[in-house]
PDB file of N, CA and C in Angstrom:
ATOM      1  N   UNK A   1      -2.078  -3.572 -10.335  1.00  0.00           N
ATOM      2  CA  UNK A   1      -2.004  -3.474  -9.063  1.00  0.00           C
ATOM      3  C   UNK A   1      -2.935  -2.790  -8.330  1.00  0.00           C
ATOM      4  N   UNK A   2      -3.260  -3.918  -7.199  1.00  0.00           N
ATOM      5  CA  UNK A   2      -4.237  -2.555  -6.448  1.00  0.00           C
ATOM      6  C   UNK A   2      -3.374  -1.904  -5.813  1.00  0.00           C
ATOM      7  N   UNK A   3      -4.549  -1.064  -5.444  1.00  0.00           N
ATOM      8  CA  UNK A   3      -3.741   0.602  -4.189  1.00  0.00           C
ATOM      9  C   UNK A   3      -2.869  -0.085  -3.312  1.00  0.00           C
ATOM     10  N   UNK A   4      -3.237  -1.286  -2.577  1.00  0.00           N
ATOM     11  CA  UNK A   4      -3.027  -1.615  -1.597  1.00  0.00           C
ATOM     12  C   UNK A   4      -1.421  -2.703  -1.179  1.00  0.00           C
ATOM     13  N   UNK A   5      -1.484  -3.609  -2.644  1.00  0.00           N
ATOM     14  CA  UNK A   5      -0.449  -3.892  -3.204  1.00  0.00           C
ATOM     15  C   UNK A   5       0.425  -2.473  -3.048  1.00  0.00           C
ATOM     16  N   UNK A   6       0.342  -1.627  -4.348  1.00  0.00           N
ATOM     17  CA  UNK A   6       1.056  -0.977  -4.294  1.00  0.00           C
ATOM     18  C   UNK A   6       1.965  -0.057  -3.028  1.00  0.00           C
ATOM     19  N   UNK A   7       1.350  -0.004  -2.285  1.00  0.00           N
ATOM     20  CA  UNK A   7       1.348   0.654  -0.760  1.00  0.00           C
ATOM     21  C   UNK A   7       2.604   0.080  -0.501  1.00  0.00           C
ATOM     22  N   UNK A   8       2.729  -1.299  -0.783  1.00  0.00           N
ATOM     23  CA  UNK A   8       4.086  -1.806   0.165  1.00  0.00           C
ATOM     24  C   UNK A   8       5.416  -1.988  -1.125  1.00  0.00           C
ATOM     25  N   UNK A   9       5.091  -1.046  -1.985  1.00  0.00           N
ATOM     26  CA  UNK A   9       6.571  -0.875  -2.699  1.00  0.00           C
ATOM     27  C   UNK A   9       7.202   0.416  -2.869  1.00  0.00           C
ATOM     28  N   UNK A  10       6.160   1.125  -2.342  1.00  0.00           N
ATOM     29  CA  UNK A  10       5.660   3.270  -2.379  1.00  0.00           C
ATOM     30  C   UNK A  10       6.743   3.455  -0.669  1.00  0.00           C
ATOM     31  N   UNK A  11       6.429   2.547   0.394  1.00  0.00           N
ATOM     32  CA  UNK A  11       7.111   2.817   1.183  1.00  0.00           C
ATOM     33  C   UNK A  11       8.838   2.865   1.192  1.00  0.00           C
ATOM     34  N   UNK A  12       9.831   2.179   0.599  1.00  0.00           N
ATOM     35  CA  UNK A  12      11.152   2.279   0.640  1.00  0.00           C
ATOM     36  C   UNK A  12      11.551   3.233   0.158  1.00  0.00           C
ATOM     37  N   UNK A  13      10.893   3.726  -1.350  1.00  0.00           N
ATOM     38  CA  UNK A  13      11.184   4.465  -2.005  1.00  0.00           C
ATOM     39  C   UNK A  13      10.539   5.787  -1.460  1.00  0.00           C
ATOM     40  N   UNK A  14       9.797   6.248  -0.404  1.00  0.00           N
ATOM     41  CA  UNK A  14       9.422   7.231   0.578  1.00  0.00           C
ATOM     42  C   UNK A  14      10.496   7.423   1.624  1.00  0.00           C
ATOM     43  N   UNK A  15      10.838   6.212   2.400  1.00  0.00           N
ATOM     44  CA  UNK A  15      12.333   6.351   2.929  1.00  0.00           C
ATOM     45  C   UNK A  15      13.558   7.135   2.593  1.00  0.00           C
ATOM     46  N   UNK A  16      14.333   6.488   1.606  1.00  0.00           N
ATOM     47  CA  UNK A  16      15.001   7.403   0.350  1.00  0.00           C
ATOM     48  C   UNK A  16      14.751   9.173   0.220  1.00  0.00           C
ATOM     49  N   UNK A  17      13.640   8.922  -0.298  1.00  0.00           N
ATOM     50  CA  UNK A  17      13.597  10.455  -0.276  1.00  0.00           C
ATOM     51  C   UNK A  17      13.697  11.238   1.315  1.00  0.00           C
ATOM     52  N   UNK A  18      12.915  10.767   2.518  1.00  0.00           N
ATOM     53  CA  UNK A  18      12.885  10.961   3.429  1.00  0.00           C
ATOM     54  C   UNK A  18      14.657  11.342   4.304  1.00  0.00           C
ATOM     55  N   UNK A  19      15.855  10.177   3.483  1.00  0.00           N
ATOM     56  CA  UNK A  19      17.055  10.128   3.749  1.00  0.00           C
ATOM     57  C   UNK A  19      17.494  11.493   2.701  1.00  0.00           C
ATOM     58  N   UNK A  20      17.245  11.381   1.715  1.00  0.00           N
ATOM     59  CA  UNK A  20      17.436  12.483   0.562  1.00  0.00           C
ATOM     60  C   UNK A  20      17.646  14.188   1.439  1.00  0.00           C
ATOM     61  N   UNK A  21      16.418  13.996   2.235  1.00  0.00           N
ATOM     62  CA  UNK A  21      15.675  15.236   2.642  1.00  0.00           C
ATOM     63  C   UNK A  21      16.259  15.826   3.945  1.00  0.00           C
ATOM     64  N   UNK A  22      16.695  14.267   4.786  1.00  0.00           N
ATOM     65  CA  UNK A  22      17.117  14.609   6.304  1.00  0.00           C
ATOM     66  C   UNK A  22      18.640  15.123   5.414  1.00  0.00           C
ATOM     67  N   UNK A  23      18.960  14.738   4.382  1.00  0.00           N
ATOM     68  CA  UNK A  23      20.861  15.307   4.545  1.00  0.00           C
ATOM     69  C   UNK A  23      20.882  16.661   3.856  1.00  0.00           C
ATOM     70  N   UNK A  24      19.456  17.389   3.591  1.00  0.00           N
ATOM     71  CA  UNK A  24      19.645  18.299   2.806  1.00  0.00           C
ATOM     72  C   UNK A  24      19.211  19.514   3.774  1.00  0.00           C
ATOM     73  N   UNK A  25      18.167  19.204   4.701  1.00  0.00           N
ATOM     74  CA  UNK A  25      17.734  19.895   5.383  1.00  0.00           C
ATOM     75  C   UNK A  25      17.485  19.035   6.736  1.00  0.00           C
ATOM     76  N   UNK A  26      17.998  19.793   8.193  1.00  0.00           N
ATOM     77  CA  UNK A  26      18.027  18.345   9.102  1.00  0.00           C
ATOM     78  C   UNK A  26      17.117  18.679   9.644  1.00  0.00           C
ATOM     79  N   UNK A  27      16.785  18.195  10.170  1.00  0.00           N
ATOM     80  CA  UNK A  27      15.115  17.597  11.298  1.00  0.00           C
ATOM     81  C   UNK A  27      15.772  16.718  12.463  1.00  0.00           C
ATOM     82  N   UNK A  28      14.882  16.343  13.589  1.00  0.00           N
ATOM     83  CA  UNK A  28      15.315  15.604  13.878  1.00  0.00           C
ATOM     84  C   UNK A  28      13.955  13.977  14.431  1.00  0.00           C
ATOM     85  N   UNK A  29      15.135  13.201  14.046  1.00  0.00           N
ATOM     86  CA  UNK A  29      14.552  11.805  13.177  1.00  0.00           C
ATOM     87  C   UNK A  29      15.145  10.780  12.963  1.00  0.00           C
ATOM     88  N   UNK A  30      14.898   9.324  12.384  1.00  0.00           N
ATOM     89  CA  UNK A  30      15.463   8.240  12.394  1.00  0.00           C
ATOM     90  C   UNK A  30      16.361   8.723  11.011  1.00  0.00           C
ATOM     91  N   UNK A  31      15.823   9.568   9.687  1.00  0.00           N
ATOM     92  CA  UNK A  31      16.138  10.017   8.892  1.00  0.00           C
ATOM     93  C   UNK A  31      17.864  10.460   9.397  1.00  0.00           C
ATOM     94  N   UNK A  32      17.553  11.865   9.932  1.00  0.00           N
ATOM     95  CA  UNK A  32      18.695  12.699   9.991  1.00  0.00           C
ATOM     96  C   UNK A  32      19.446  11.661  11.171  1.00  0.00           C
ATOM     97  N   UNK A  33      18.981  10.733  12.084  1.00  0.00           N
ATOM     98  CA  UNK A  33      19.931   9.929  12.682  1.00  0.00           C
ATOM     99  C   UNK A  33      21.475   9.295  12.588  1.00  0.00           C
ATOM    100  N   UNK A  34      20.542   8.965  11.121  1.00  0.00           N
ATOM    101  CA  UNK A  34      21.406   7.671   9.843  1.00  0.00           C
ATOM    102  C   UNK A  34      21.834   8.289   9.267  1.00  0.00           C
ATOM    103  N   UNK A  35      21.932   9.563   9.035  1.00  0.00           N
ATOM    104  CA  UNK A  35      22.706  10.054   7.763  1.00  0.00           C
ATOM    105  C   UNK A  35      23.695  10.805   9.155  1.00  0.00           C
ATOM    106  N   UNK A  36      24.132  11.232   9.756  1.00  0.00           N
ATOM    107  CA  UNK A  36      24.957  11.581  10.702  1.00  0.00           C
ATOM    108  C   UNK A  36      25.765  10.434  11.287  1.00  0.00           C
ATOM    109  N   UNK A  37      24.880   9.573  11.709  1.00  0.00           N
ATOM    110  CA  UNK A  37      25.947   8.191  11.729  1.00  0.00           C
ATOM    111  C   UNK A  37      26.551   8.080  10.824  1.00  0.00           C
ATOM    112  N   UNK A  38      26.039   7.909   9.769  1.00  0.00           N
ATOM    113  CA  UNK A  38      27.016   7.139   8.295  1.00  0.00           C
ATOM    114  C   UNK A  38      28.159   8.391   8.634  1.00  0.00           C
ATOM    115  N   UNK A  39      28.103   9.665   8.364  1.00  0.00           N
ATOM    116  CA  UNK A  39      29.214  10.389   8.423  1.00  0.00           C
ATOM    117  C   UNK A  39      30.036  10.445   9.227  1.00  0.00           C
ATOM    118  N   UNK A  40      30.184   9.707  10.677  1.00  0.00           N
ATOM    119  CA  UNK A  40      30.288  10.105  11.730  1.00  0.00           C
ATOM    120  C   UNK A  40      31.108   8.403  11.846  1.00  0.00           C
ATOM    121  N   UNK A  41      31.101   8.097  10.568  1.00  0.00           N
ATOM    122  CA  UNK A  41      31.581   6.003  11.164  1.00  0.00           C
ATOM    123  C   UNK A  41      30.494   5.417  12.043  1.00  0.00           C
ATOM    124  N   UNK A  42      29.619   6.055  12.999  1.00  0.00           N
ATOM    125  CA  UNK A  42      29.391   5.047  13.678  1.00  0.00           C
ATOM    126  C   UNK A  42      28.179   4.027  13.242  1.00  0.00           C
ATOM    127  N   UNK A  43      29.562   2.745  13.721  1.00  0.00           N
ATOM    128  CA  UNK A  43      28.972   1.638  12.707  1.00  0.00           C
ATOM    129  C   UNK A  43      27.939   0.970  14.158  1.00  0.00           C
ATOM    130  N   UNK A  44      27.585   0.898  15.273  1.00  0.00           N
ATOM    131  CA  UNK A  44      26.482   0.464  15.892  1.00  0.00           C
ATOM    132  C   UNK A  44      25.718   0.742  15.850  1.00  0.00           C
ATOM    133  N   UNK A  45      25.647   2.535  15.914  1.00  0.00           N
ATOM    134  CA  UNK A  45      23.427   3.150  15.842  1.00  0.00           C
ATOM    135  C   UNK A  45      23.674   3.016  13.968  1.00  0.00           C
ATOM    136  N   UNK A  46      24.636   2.847  12.534  1.00  0.00           N
ATOM    137  CA  UNK A  46      23.853   2.317  11.267  1.00  0.00           C
ATOM    138  C   UNK A  46      23.311   1.093  11.451  1.00  0.00           C
ATOM    139  N   UNK A  47      23.856   0.272  12.121  1.00  0.00           N
ATOM    140  CA  UNK A  47      23.372  -1.570  12.177  1.00  0.00           C
ATOM    141  C   UNK A  47      22.346  -1.586  12.837  1.00  0.00           C
ATOM    142  N   UNK A  48      21.793  -0.920  13.746  1.00  0.00           N
ATOM    143  CA  UNK A  48      20.917  -0.773  14.587  1.00  0.00           C
ATOM    144  C   UNK A  48      19.952  -0.002  14.190  1.00  0.00           C
ATOM    145  N   UNK A  49      20.023   1.438  13.374  1.00  0.00           N
ATOM    146  CA  UNK A  49      18.826   1.908  12.358  1.00  0.00           C
ATOM    147  C   UNK A  49      18.483   1.541  10.998  1.00  0.00           C
ATOM    148  N   UNK A  50      19.681   0.419  10.392  1.00  0.00           N
ATOM    149  CA  UNK A  50      19.016  -0.591   9.329  1.00  0.00           C
ATOM    150  C   UNK A  50      18.044  -0.824  10.043  1.00  0.00           C
ATOM    151  N   UNK A  51      18.512  -2.206  11.327  1.00  0.00           N
ATOM    152  CA  UNK A  51      17.657  -2.664  11.457  1.00  0.00           C
ATOM    153  C   UNK A  51      16.043  -2.498  12.061  1.00  0.00           C
ATOM    154  N   UNK A  52      16.333  -1.282  12.177  1.00  0.00           N
ATOM    155  CA  UNK A  52      14.508  -0.855  12.590  1.00  0.00           C
ATOM    156  C   UNK A  52      13.834  -0.849  11.326  1.00  0.00           C
ATOM    157  N   UNK A  53      14.994  -0.301  10.927  1.00  0.00           N
ATOM    158  CA  UNK A  53      13.995   0.364   9.002  1.00  0.00           C
ATOM    159  C   UNK A  53      14.217  -1.222   8.932  1.00  0.00           C
ATOM    160  N   UNK A  54      14.682  -1.757   8.552  1.00  0.00           N
ATOM    161  CA  UNK A  54      14.360  -3.722   7.903  1.00  0.00           C
ATOM    162  C   UNK A  54      13.460  -4.244   8.364  1.00  0.00           C
ATOM    163  N   UNK A  55      12.853  -3.756   9.825  1.00  0.00           N
ATOM    164  CA  UNK A  55      11.924  -4.584  10.423  1.00  0.00           C
ATOM    165  C   UNK A  55      10.785  -3.594  10.267  1.00  0.00           C
ATOM    166  N   UNK A  56      10.470  -2.394  10.401  1.00  0.00           N
ATOM    167  CA  UNK A  56       9.673  -1.637  10.025  1.00  0.00           C
ATOM    168  C   UNK A  56       8.973  -1.968   8.217  1.00  0.00           C
ATOM    169  N   UNK A  57       9.700  -2.549   7.480  1.00  0.00           N
ATOM    170  CA  UNK A  57       9.250  -2.836   6.008  1.00  0.00           C
ATOM    171  C   UNK A  57       8.864  -3.828   6.272  1.00  0.00           C
ATOM    172  N   UNK A  58       9.691  -4.728   6.634  1.00  0.00           N
ATOM    173  CA  UNK A  58       9.038  -6.596   6.743  1.00  0.00           C
ATOM    174  C   UNK A  58       7.343  -7.009   7.371  1.00  0.00           C
ATOM    175  N   UNK A  59       7.372  -5.776   8.598  1.00  0.00           N
ATOM    176  CA  UNK A  59       5.884  -5.225   8.866  1.00  0.00           C
ATOM    177  C   UNK A  59       5.722  -4.658   8.177  1.00  0.00           C
ATOM    178  N   UNK A  60       5.416  -3.717   7.536  1.00  0.00           N
ATOM    179  CA  UNK A  60       4.468  -3.020   6.519  1.00  0.00           C
ATOM    180  C   UNK A  60       4.054  -3.998   5.377  1.00  0.00           C
ATOM    181  N   UNK A  61       5.300  -4.731   4.660  1.00  0.00           N
ATOM    182  CA  UNK A  61       4.911  -5.546   3.651  1.00  0.00           C
ATOM    183  C   UNK A  61       3.615  -6.656   3.803  1.00  0.00           C
ATOM    184  N   UNK A  62       4.839  -7.140   5.277  1.00  0.00           N
ATOM    185  CA  UNK A  62       3.698  -8.784   6.158  1.00  0.00           C
ATOM    186  C   UNK A  62       2.027  -7.576   6.265  1.00  0.00           C
ATOM    187  N   UNK A  63       1.918  -6.798   6.300  1.00  0.00           N
ATOM    188  CA  UNK A  63       0.797  -6.045   6.788  1.00  0.00           C
ATOM    189  C   UNK A  63      -0.109  -6.454   5.495  1.00  0.00           C
ATOM    190  N   UNK A  64       0.566  -5.690   5.013  1.00  0.00           N
ATOM    191  CA  UNK A  64      -0.049  -5.752   3.482  1.00  0.00           C
ATOM    192  C   UNK A  64      -0.439  -6.715   3.046  1.00  0.00           C
ATOM    193  N   UNK A  65       0.732  -7.479   2.610  1.00  0.00           N
ATOM    194  CA  UNK A  65      -0.201  -9.184   1.904  1.00  0.00           C
ATOM    195  C   UNK A  65      -1.092  -9.999   3.062  1.00  0.00           C
ATOM    196  N   UNK A  66      -1.050  -9.951   4.695  1.00  0.00           N
ATOM    197  CA  UNK A  66      -3.224  -9.937   5.004  1.00  0.00           C
ATOM    198  C   UNK A  66      -3.863  -9.402   5.179  1.00  0.00           C
ATOM    199  N   UNK A  67      -3.382  -7.688   4.772  1.00  0.00           N
ATOM    200  CA  UNK A  67      -4.288  -7.085   4.952  1.00  0.00           C
ATOM    201  C   UNK A  67      -5.607  -7.553   3.064  1.00  0.00           C
ATOM    202  N   UNK A  68      -4.632  -7.438   1.904  1.00  0.00           N
ATOM    203  CA  UNK A  68      -4.750  -8.090   1.227  1.00  0.00           C
ATOM    204  C   UNK A  68      -5.588  -9.144   0.726  1.00  0.00           C
ATOM    205  N   UNK A  69      -5.481 -10.189   1.762  1.00  0.00           N
ATOM    206  CA  UNK A  69      -6.317 -11.376   1.611  1.00  0.00           C
ATOM    207  C   UNK A  69      -7.155 -10.921   2.184  1.00  0.00           C
ATOM    208  N   UNK A  70      -7.311 -10.404   2.833  1.00  0.00           N
ATOM    209  CA  UNK A  70      -8.971 -10.083   3.517  1.00  0.00           C
ATOM    210  C   UNK A  70     -10.041  -9.073   2.361  1.00  0.00           C
ATOM    211  N   UNK A  71      -9.137  -8.397   2.302  1.00  0.00           N
ATOM    212  CA  UNK A  71      -9.894  -7.776   0.761  1.00  0.00           C
ATOM    213  C   UNK A  71     -10.232  -8.168  -0.508  1.00  0.00           C
ATOM    214  N   UNK A  72      -9.590  -8.501  -1.240  1.00  0.00           N
ATOM    215  CA  UNK A  72      -9.391  -9.584  -2.261  1.00  0.00           C
ATOM    216  C   UNK A  72      -9.802 -11.208  -2.047  1.00  0.00           C
ATOM    217  N   UNK A  73     -10.995 -11.298  -2.524  1.00  0.00           N
ATOM    218  CA  UNK A  73     -11.759 -12.635  -2.607  1.00  0.00           C
ATOM    219  C   UNK A  73     -10.776 -13.798  -2.596  1.00  0.00           C
ATOM    220  N   UNK A  74      -9.798 -13.387  -4.330  1.00  0.00           N
ATOM    221  CA  UNK A  74      -9.122 -13.650  -5.137  1.00  0.00           C
ATOM    222  C   UNK A  74      -8.404 -14.739  -4.637  1.00  0.00           C
ATOM    223  N   UNK A  75      -7.196 -14.053  -4.127  1.00  0.00           N
ATOM    224  CA  UNK A  75      -6.159 -14.273  -3.534  1.00  0.00           C
ATOM    225  C   UNK A  75      -6.118 -15.462  -2.043  1.00  0.00           C
ATOM    226  N   UNK A  76      -7.348 -15.602  -1.440  1.00  0.00           N
ATOM    227  CA  UNK A  76      -7.736 -16.125  -0.262  1.00  0.00           C
ATOM    228  C   UNK A  76      -7.893 -17.743  -0.135  1.00  0.00           C
ATOM    229  N   UNK A  77      -7.195 -18.590   0.341  1.00  0.00           N
ATOM    230  CA  UNK A  77      -6.574 -19.744   0.443  1.00  0.00           C
ATOM    231  C   UNK A  77      -7.727 -20.132   1.090  1.00  0.00           C
ATOM    232  N   UNK A  78      -7.873 -21.923  -0.206  1.00  0.00           N
ATOM    233  CA  UNK A  78      -9.562 -22.264   0.394  1.00  0.00           C
ATOM    234  C   UNK A  78      -9.449 -23.438   1.225  1.00  0.00           C
ATOM    235  N   UNK A  79      -9.906 -23.221   2.189  1.00  0.00           N
ATOM    236  CA  UNK A  79      -9.654 -24.367   3.821  1.00  0.00           C
ATOM    237  C   UNK A  79     -10.461 -25.787   3.109  1.00  0.00           C
ATOM    238  N   UNK A  80      -9.781 -27.032   3.549  1.00  0.00           N
ATOM    239  CA  UNK A  80      -9.452 -27.960   2.765  1.00  0.00           C
ATOM    240  C   UNK A  80     -10.712 -29.026   4.381  1.00  0.00           C
TER     241      UNK A  80
END
């Protein structure tokens, strides 16, 4: 697996680690807000945070796929 394709599978793991770290050592970030919202049962904030995080993952994966097509000539589509 190329480093470019591998980066899209690393980002969810990195966020999970950040959420765990936010639960242990609070700072002012999205992970901390999400952990606090879950603890306080603030459902609109949880839904909004999950929507933003899902959008980030979709954007990261889309960017990796497009970048991978530019970097690796074997996966480029042939034009008719």
